[in-house]
PDB file of N, CA and C in Angstrom:
ATOM      1  N   UNK A   1       2.538  14.966  11.545  1.00  0.00           N
ATOM      2  CA  UNK A   1       2.904  13.468  11.386  1.00  0.00           C
ATOM      3  C   UNK A   1       2.969  12.965  12.872  1.00  0.00           C
ATOM      4  N   UNK A   2       2.374  11.784  13.047  1.00  0.00           N
ATOM      5  CA  UNK A   2       2.391  11.193  14.255  1.00  0.00           C
ATOM      6  C   UNK A   2       3.618  10.224  14.352  1.00  0.00           C
ATOM      7  N   UNK A   3       4.395  10.275  15.442  1.00  0.00           N
ATOM      8  CA  UNK A   3       5.614   9.443  15.583  1.00  0.00           C
ATOM      9  C   UNK A   3       5.440   8.536  16.790  1.00  0.00           C
ATOM     10  N   UNK A   4       5.715   7.291  16.704  1.00  0.00           N
ATOM     11  CA  UNK A   4       5.733   6.268  17.661  1.00  0.00           C
ATOM     12  C   UNK A   4       7.084   6.139  18.373  1.00  0.00           C
ATOM     13  N   UNK A   5       7.148   6.210  19.660  1.00  0.00           N
ATOM     14  CA  UNK A   5       8.281   6.060  20.484  1.00  0.00           C
ATOM     15  C   UNK A   5       8.181   4.873  21.303  1.00  0.00           C
ATOM     16  N   UNK A   6       9.085   3.823  21.198  1.00  0.00           N
ATOM     17  CA  UNK A   6       8.930   2.614  22.062  1.00  0.00           C
ATOM     18  C   UNK A   6      10.234   2.531  22.808  1.00  0.00           C
ATOM     19  N   UNK A   7      10.304   1.549  23.716  1.00  0.00           N
ATOM     20  CA  UNK A   7      11.474   1.355  24.594  1.00  0.00           C
ATOM     21  C   UNK A   7      11.889   2.577  25.371  1.00  0.00           C
ATOM     22  N   UNK A   8      10.849   3.298  25.860  1.00  0.00           N
ATOM     23  CA  UNK A   8      11.082   4.457  26.667  1.00  0.00           C
ATOM     24  C   UNK A   8      11.442   4.019  28.084  1.00  0.00           C
ATOM     25  N   UNK A   9      12.342   4.785  28.715  1.00  0.00           N
ATOM     26  CA  UNK A   9      12.509   4.602  30.162  1.00  0.00           C
ATOM     27  C   UNK A   9      11.195   5.011  30.815  1.00  0.00           C
ATOM     28  N   UNK A  10      10.853   4.200  31.957  1.00  0.00           N
ATOM     29  CA  UNK A  10       9.670   4.532  32.636  1.00  0.00           C
ATOM     30  C   UNK A  10       9.676   5.761  33.349  1.00  0.00           C
ATOM     31  N   UNK A  11      10.919   6.391  33.462  1.00  0.00           N
ATOM     32  CA  UNK A  11      11.121   7.723  34.129  1.00  0.00           C
ATOM     33  C   UNK A  11      10.935   8.882  33.143  1.00  0.00           C
ATOM     34  N   UNK A  12      10.914   8.619  31.902  1.00  0.00           N
ATOM     35  CA  UNK A  12      10.740   9.764  30.848  1.00  0.00           C
ATOM     36  C   UNK A  12       9.397  10.366  30.979  1.00  0.00           C
ATOM     37  N   UNK A  13       9.374  11.689  30.959  1.00  0.00           N
ATOM     38  CA  UNK A  13       8.128  12.460  31.071  1.00  0.00           C
ATOM     39  C   UNK A  13       7.675  13.064  29.648  1.00  0.00           C
ATOM     40  N   UNK A  14       6.465  13.357  29.582  1.00  0.00           N
ATOM     41  CA  UNK A  14       5.970  13.982  28.330  1.00  0.00           C
ATOM     42  C   UNK A  14       6.728  15.318  28.109  1.00  0.00           C
ATOM     43  N   UNK A  15       7.144  16.088  29.077  1.00  0.00           N
ATOM     44  CA  UNK A  15       7.841  17.325  28.982  1.00  0.00           C
ATOM     45  C   UNK A  15       9.194  16.986  28.364  1.00  0.00           C
ATOM     46  N   UNK A  16       9.872  16.030  28.867  1.00  0.00           N
ATOM     47  CA  UNK A  16      11.190  15.655  28.306  1.00  0.00           C
ATOM     48  C   UNK A  16      11.192  15.254  26.847  1.00  0.00           C
ATOM     49  N   UNK A  17      10.153  14.497  26.519  1.00  0.00           N
ATOM     50  CA  UNK A  17       9.924  14.067  25.067  1.00  0.00           C
ATOM     51  C   UNK A  17       9.685  15.260  24.246  1.00  0.00           C
ATOM     52  N   UNK A  18       8.832  16.186  24.706  1.00  0.00           N
ATOM     53  CA  UNK A  18       8.471  17.343  23.930  1.00  0.00           C
ATOM     54  C   UNK A  18       9.658  18.194  23.742  1.00  0.00           C
ATOM     55  N   UNK A  19      10.568  18.361  24.702  1.00  0.00           N
ATOM     56  CA  UNK A  19      11.882  19.143  24.544  1.00  0.00           C
ATOM     57  C   UNK A  19      12.744  18.583  23.564  1.00  0.00           C
ATOM     58  N   UNK A  20      12.852  17.173  23.546  1.00  0.00           N
ATOM     59  CA  UNK A  20      13.721  16.509  22.663  1.00  0.00           C
ATOM     60  C   UNK A  20      13.370  16.766  21.116  1.00  0.00           C
ATOM     61  N   UNK A  21      12.000  16.644  20.904  1.00  0.00           N
ATOM     62  CA  UNK A  21      11.505  16.814  19.584  1.00  0.00           C
ATOM     63  C   UNK A  21      11.436  18.160  19.132  1.00  0.00           C
ATOM     64  N   UNK A  22      11.215  19.189  20.060  1.00  0.00           N
ATOM     65  CA  UNK A  22      11.129  20.617  19.727  1.00  0.00           C
ATOM     66  C   UNK A  22      12.401  21.068  19.079  1.00  0.00           C
ATOM     67  N   UNK A  23      13.479  20.385  19.389  1.00  0.00           N
ATOM     68  CA  UNK A  23      14.836  20.793  18.805  1.00  0.00           C
ATOM     69  C   UNK A  23      14.799  20.674  17.294  1.00  0.00           C
ATOM     70  N   UNK A  24      13.805  19.842  16.807  1.00  0.00           N
ATOM     71  CA  UNK A  24      13.805  19.600  15.346  1.00  0.00           C
ATOM     72  C   UNK A  24      12.556  20.237  14.625  1.00  0.00           C
ATOM     73  N   UNK A  25      11.678  20.819  15.375  1.00  0.00           N
ATOM     74  CA  UNK A  25      10.570  21.535  14.774  1.00  0.00           C
ATOM     75  C   UNK A  25       9.364  21.712  15.797  1.00  0.00           C
ATOM     76  N   UNK A  26       8.252  22.039  15.272  1.00  0.00           N
ATOM     77  CA  UNK A  26       6.979  22.326  16.085  1.00  0.00           C
ATOM     78  C   UNK A  26       6.309  20.984  16.511  1.00  0.00           C
ATOM     79  N   UNK A  27       6.167  20.869  17.804  1.00  0.00           N
ATOM     80  CA  UNK A  27       5.516  19.747  18.301  1.00  0.00           C
ATOM     81  C   UNK A  27       4.046  20.104  18.730  1.00  0.00           C
ATOM     82  N   UNK A  28       3.127  19.425  18.230  1.00  0.00           N
ATOM     83  CA  UNK A  28       1.693  19.757  18.524  1.00  0.00           C
ATOM     84  C   UNK A  28       1.129  19.011  19.724  1.00  0.00           C
ATOM     85  N   UNK A  29       1.714  17.816  19.893  1.00  0.00           N
ATOM     86  CA  UNK A  29       1.237  17.054  21.099  1.00  0.00           C
ATOM     87  C   UNK A  29       2.257  15.967  21.541  1.00  0.00           C
ATOM     88  N   UNK A  30       2.234  15.587  22.761  1.00  0.00           N
ATOM     89  CA  UNK A  30       3.129  14.534  23.232  1.00  0.00           C
ATOM     90  C   UNK A  30       2.268  13.730  24.206  1.00  0.00           C
ATOM     91  N   UNK A  31       2.288  12.384  24.082  1.00  0.00           N
ATOM     92  CA  UNK A  31       1.600  11.541  24.939  1.00  0.00           C
ATOM     93  C   UNK A  31       2.431  10.273  25.252  1.00  0.00           C
ATOM     94  N   UNK A  32       2.517  10.019  26.539  1.00  0.00           N
ATOM     95  CA  UNK A  32       3.155   8.719  27.179  1.00  0.00           C
ATOM     96  C   UNK A  32       2.038   7.917  27.545  1.00  0.00           C
ATOM     97  N   UNK A  33       1.877   6.715  27.184  1.00  0.00           N
ATOM     98  CA  UNK A  33       0.820   5.798  27.528  1.00  0.00           C
ATOM     99  C   UNK A  33       1.040   5.244  28.917  1.00  0.00           C
ATOM    100  N   UNK A  34       0.049   5.451  29.778  1.00  0.00           N
ATOM    101  CA  UNK A  34       0.181   5.112  31.270  1.00  0.00           C
ATOM    102  C   UNK A  34      -0.706   3.873  31.475  1.00  0.00           C
ATOM    103  N   UNK A  35      -0.285   3.027  32.416  1.00  0.00           N
ATOM    104  CA  UNK A  35      -1.024   1.892  32.843  1.00  0.00           C
ATOM    105  C   UNK A  35      -2.211   2.327  33.694  1.00  0.00           C
ATOM    106  N   UNK A  36      -3.379   1.931  33.451  1.00  0.00           N
ATOM    107  CA  UNK A  36      -4.521   2.453  34.166  1.00  0.00           C
ATOM    108  C   UNK A  36      -4.541   2.021  35.680  1.00  0.00           C
ATOM    109  N   UNK A  37      -3.978   0.892  35.951  1.00  0.00           N
ATOM    110  CA  UNK A  37      -3.984   0.383  37.284  1.00  0.00           C
ATOM    111  C   UNK A  37      -2.821   0.948  38.196  1.00  0.00           C
ATOM    112  N   UNK A  38      -1.609   0.936  37.644  1.00  0.00           N
ATOM    113  CA  UNK A  38      -0.427   1.371  38.426  1.00  0.00           C
ATOM    114  C   UNK A  38      -0.204   2.924  38.227  1.00  0.00           C
ATOM    115  N   UNK A  39      -0.663   3.476  37.197  1.00  0.00           N
ATOM    116  CA  UNK A  39      -0.455   4.857  36.894  1.00  0.00           C
ATOM    117  C   UNK A  39       0.987   5.149  36.341  1.00  0.00           C
ATOM    118  N   UNK A  40       1.701   4.107  36.057  1.00  0.00           N
ATOM    119  CA  UNK A  40       3.062   4.230  35.577  1.00  0.00           C
ATOM    120  C   UNK A  40       3.205   4.030  34.082  1.00  0.00           C
ATOM    121  N   UNK A  41       4.233   4.667  33.536  1.00  0.00           N
ATOM    122  CA  UNK A  41       4.377   4.511  32.114  1.00  0.00           C
ATOM    123  C   UNK A  41       4.551   3.114  31.571  1.00  0.00           C
ATOM    124  N   UNK A  42       3.954   2.857  30.427  1.00  0.00           N
ATOM    125  CA  UNK A  42       4.012   1.546  29.795  1.00  0.00           C
ATOM    126  C   UNK A  42       5.235   1.439  28.914  1.00  0.00           C
ATOM    127  N   UNK A  43       6.011   2.493  28.785  1.00  0.00           N
ATOM    128  CA  UNK A  43       7.234   2.500  28.044  1.00  0.00           C
ATOM    129  C   UNK A  43       7.211   2.839  26.604  1.00  0.00           C
ATOM    130  N   UNK A  44       6.009   3.373  26.230  1.00  0.00           N
ATOM    131  CA  UNK A  44       5.855   3.904  24.879  1.00  0.00           C
ATOM    132  C   UNK A  44       4.966   5.061  24.857  1.00  0.00           C
ATOM    133  N   UNK A  45       5.063   5.811  23.705  1.00  0.00           N
ATOM    134  CA  UNK A  45       4.211   6.934  23.570  1.00  0.00           C
ATOM    135  C   UNK A  45       4.279   7.482  22.082  1.00  0.00           C
ATOM    136  N   UNK A  46       3.657   8.689  22.026  1.00  0.00           N
ATOM    137  CA  UNK A  46       3.470   9.297  20.591  1.00  0.00           C
ATOM    138  C   UNK A  46       3.869  10.756  20.713  1.00  0.00           C
ATOM    139  N   UNK A  47       4.509  11.275  19.699  1.00  0.00           N
ATOM    140  CA  UNK A  47       4.748  12.665  19.482  1.00  0.00           C
ATOM    141  C   UNK A  47       4.058  13.036  18.130  1.00  0.00           C
ATOM    142  N   UNK A  48       3.428  14.197  18.188  1.00  0.00           N
ATOM    143  CA  UNK A  48       2.767  14.633  16.823  1.00  0.00           C
ATOM    144  C   UNK A  48       3.550  15.993  16.525  1.00  0.00           C
ATOM    145  N   UNK A  49       4.124  16.020  15.248  1.00  0.00           N
ATOM    146  CA  UNK A  49       4.744  17.163  14.833  1.00  0.00           C
ATOM    147  C   UNK A  49       3.935  17.742  13.630  1.00  0.00           C
ATOM    148  N   UNK A  50       3.967  19.125  13.552  1.00  0.00           N
ATOM    149  CA  UNK A  50       3.205  19.880  12.507  1.00  0.00           C
ATOM    150  C   UNK A  50       3.684  19.584  11.024  1.00  0.00           C
ATOM    151  N   UNK A  51       5.078  19.546  10.907  1.00  0.00           N
ATOM    152  CA  UNK A  51       5.592  19.542   9.564  1.00  0.00           C
ATOM    153  C   UNK A  51       6.326  18.224   9.308  1.00  0.00           C
ATOM    154  N   UNK A  52       5.900  17.517   8.244  1.00  0.00           N
ATOM    155  CA  UNK A  52       6.388  16.195   8.057  1.00  0.00           C
ATOM    156  C   UNK A  52       7.942  16.166   7.793  1.00  0.00           C
ATOM    157  N   UNK A  53       8.523  17.174   7.146  1.00  0.00           N
ATOM    158  CA  UNK A  53       9.980  17.176   7.005  1.00  0.00           C
ATOM    159  C   UNK A  53      10.694  17.320   8.335  1.00  0.00           C
ATOM    160  N   UNK A  54      10.179  18.056   9.261  1.00  0.00           N
ATOM    161  CA  UNK A  54      10.779  18.208  10.594  1.00  0.00           C
ATOM    162  C   UNK A  54      10.601  16.889  11.382  1.00  0.00           C
ATOM    163  N   UNK A  55       9.466  16.239  11.149  1.00  0.00           N
ATOM    164  CA  UNK A  55       9.222  14.954  11.860  1.00  0.00           C
ATOM    165  C   UNK A  55      10.142  13.857  11.410  1.00  0.00           C
ATOM    166  N   UNK A  56      10.392  13.819  10.084  1.00  0.00           N
ATOM    167  CA  UNK A  56      11.267  12.838   9.551  1.00  0.00           C
ATOM    168  C   UNK A  56      12.744  13.070   9.994  1.00  0.00           C
ATOM    169  N   UNK A  57      13.177  14.328  10.102  1.00  0.00           N
ATOM    170  CA  UNK A  57      14.511  14.673  10.616  1.00  0.00           C
ATOM    171  C   UNK A  57      14.568  14.148  12.076  1.00  0.00           C
ATOM    172  N   UNK A  58      13.682  14.464  12.899  1.00  0.00           N
ATOM    173  CA  UNK A  58      13.589  14.096  14.247  1.00  0.00           C
ATOM    174  C   UNK A  58      13.703  12.528  14.435  1.00  0.00           C
ATOM    175  N   UNK A  59      12.913  11.780  13.611  1.00  0.00           N
ATOM    176  CA  UNK A  59      13.002  10.359  13.618  1.00  0.00           C
ATOM    177  C   UNK A  59      14.435   9.905  13.323  1.00  0.00           C
ATOM    178  N   UNK A  60      14.955  10.481  12.220  1.00  0.00           N
ATOM    179  CA  UNK A  60      16.361  10.063  11.885  1.00  0.00           C
ATOM    180  C   UNK A  60      17.383  10.379  12.963  1.00  0.00           C
ATOM    181  N   UNK A  61      17.288  11.497  13.525  1.00  0.00           N
ATOM    182  CA  UNK A  61      18.264  11.963  14.576  1.00  0.00           C
ATOM    183  C   UNK A  61      18.054  11.298  15.963  1.00  0.00           C
ATOM    184  N   UNK A  62      16.815  11.053  16.351  1.00  0.00           N
ATOM    185  CA  UNK A  62      16.534  10.489  17.686  1.00  0.00           C
ATOM    186  C   UNK A  62      16.334   9.058  17.788  1.00  0.00           C
ATOM    187  N   UNK A  63      16.208   8.322  16.655  1.00  0.00           N
ATOM    188  CA  UNK A  63      16.079   6.922  16.735  1.00  0.00           C
ATOM    189  C   UNK A  63      17.399   6.272  17.366  1.00  0.00           C
ATOM    190  N   UNK A  64      17.133   5.368  18.301  1.00  0.00           N
ATOM    191  CA  UNK A  64      18.218   4.669  19.033  1.00  0.00           C
ATOM    192  C   UNK A  64      19.068   5.561  19.868  1.00  0.00           C
ATOM    193  N   UNK A  65      18.530   6.788  20.148  1.00  0.00           N
ATOM    194  CA  UNK A  65      19.244   7.671  21.229  1.00  0.00           C
ATOM    195  C   UNK A  65      18.818   7.205  22.609  1.00  0.00           C
ATOM    196  N   UNK A  66      19.704   7.512  23.553  1.00  0.00           N
ATOM    197  CA  UNK A  66      19.546   7.107  24.897  1.00  0.00           C
ATOM    198  C   UNK A  66      18.955   8.246  25.663  1.00  0.00           C
ATOM    199  N   UNK A  67      17.865   8.002  26.398  1.00  0.00           N
ATOM    200  CA  UNK A  67      17.124   8.917  27.219  1.00  0.00           C
ATOM    201  C   UNK A  67      16.906   8.181  28.504  1.00  0.00           C
ATOM    202  N   UNK A  68      17.302   8.812  29.558  1.00  0.00           N
ATOM    203  CA  UNK A  68      17.183   8.233  30.999  1.00  0.00           C
ATOM    204  C   UNK A  68      17.600   6.759  31.070  1.00  0.00           C
ATOM    205  N   UNK A  69      18.760   6.467  30.423  1.00  0.00           N
ATOM    206  CA  UNK A  69      19.352   5.242  30.472  1.00  0.00           C
ATOM    207  C   UNK A  69      18.754   4.112  29.512  1.00  0.00           C
ATOM    208  N   UNK A  70      17.792   4.456  28.798  1.00  0.00           N
ATOM    209  CA  UNK A  70      17.163   3.467  27.871  1.00  0.00           C
ATOM    210  C   UNK A  70      17.328   3.998  26.359  1.00  0.00           C
ATOM    211  N   UNK A  71      17.578   3.051  25.523  1.00  0.00           N
ATOM    212  CA  UNK A  71      17.739   3.290  24.144  1.00  0.00           C
ATOM    213  C   UNK A  71      16.367   3.233  23.439  1.00  0.00           C
ATOM    214  N   UNK A  72      15.700   4.426  23.074  1.00  0.00           N
ATOM    215  CA  UNK A  72      14.428   4.387  22.520  1.00  0.00           C
ATOM    216  C   UNK A  72      14.474   4.214  21.026  1.00  0.00           C
ATOM    217  N   UNK A  73      13.362   3.531  20.580  1.00  0.00           N
ATOM    218  CA  UNK A  73      13.169   3.412  19.056  1.00  0.00           C
ATOM    219  C   UNK A  73      12.130   4.556  18.665  1.00  0.00           C
ATOM    220  N   UNK A  74      12.435   5.188  17.543  1.00  0.00           N
ATOM    221  CA  UNK A  74      11.507   6.253  17.075  1.00  0.00           C
ATOM    222  C   UNK A  74      11.200   6.008  15.631  1.00  0.00           C
ATOM    223  N   UNK A  75       9.912   5.960  15.263  1.00  0.00           N
ATOM    224  CA  UNK A  75       9.552   5.651  13.888  1.00  0.00           C
ATOM    225  C   UNK A  75       8.136   6.320  13.607  1.00  0.00           C
ATOM    226  N   UNK A  76       7.860   6.476  12.244  1.00  0.00           N
ATOM    227  CA  UNK A  76       6.635   7.026  11.863  1.00  0.00           C
ATOM    228  C   UNK A  76       5.390   5.996  12.259  1.00  0.00           C
ATOM    229  N   UNK A  77       4.420   6.574  12.855  1.00  0.00           N
ATOM    230  CA  UNK A  77       3.324   5.729  13.262  1.00  0.00           C
ATOM    231  C   UNK A  77       2.589   5.229  11.967  1.00  0.00           C
ATOM    232  N   UNK A  78       2.311   3.996  11.999  1.00  0.00           N
ATOM    233  CA  UNK A  78       1.533   3.486  10.848  1.00  0.00           C
ATOM    234  C   UNK A  78       0.057   3.782  11.198  1.00  0.00           C
ATOM    235  N   UNK A  79      -0.778   3.818  10.156  1.00  0.00           N
ATOM    236  CA  UNK A  79      -2.255   4.001  10.428  1.00  0.00           C
ATOM    237  C   UNK A  79      -2.847   2.972  11.346  1.00  0.00           C
ATOM    238  N   UNK A  80      -2.313   1.721  11.327  1.00  0.00           N
ATOM    239  CA  UNK A  80      -2.909   0.675  12.172  1.00  0.00           C
ATOM    240  C   UNK A  80      -2.456   0.636  13.569  1.00  0.00           C
ATOM    241  N   UNK A  81      -1.462   1.550  13.997  1.00  0.00           N
ATOM    242  CA  UNK A  81      -0.971   1.497  15.328  1.00  0.00           C
ATOM    243  C   UNK A  81      -1.739   2.550  16.190  1.00  0.00           C
TER     244      UNK A  81
END
C-alpha cells in the first residue's frame, strides 16, 4: 500500500521516514519529493508498505505526529495522487 506523507519538515530524510514506518511493518520504498532546481525537499513524500494491515496501523499511529519540529499528515494515497 502506498502512503502519502505531507507537511514534512524540510530536514526529514528518507532514512528517517523509513525507520518510523518500519516500526509498524515491512517498508518496500520511501521517497521524499525534491525540488529539481534547489535540490531541497518539497515537504511531502511517499512510503510503500508490503502489507495493507501494517500500513493502516502505521497511518493511524503516525498521522499528526511531530518529526523534526513539524506535524506531518499521513494518509493512504489515492489512485489520482
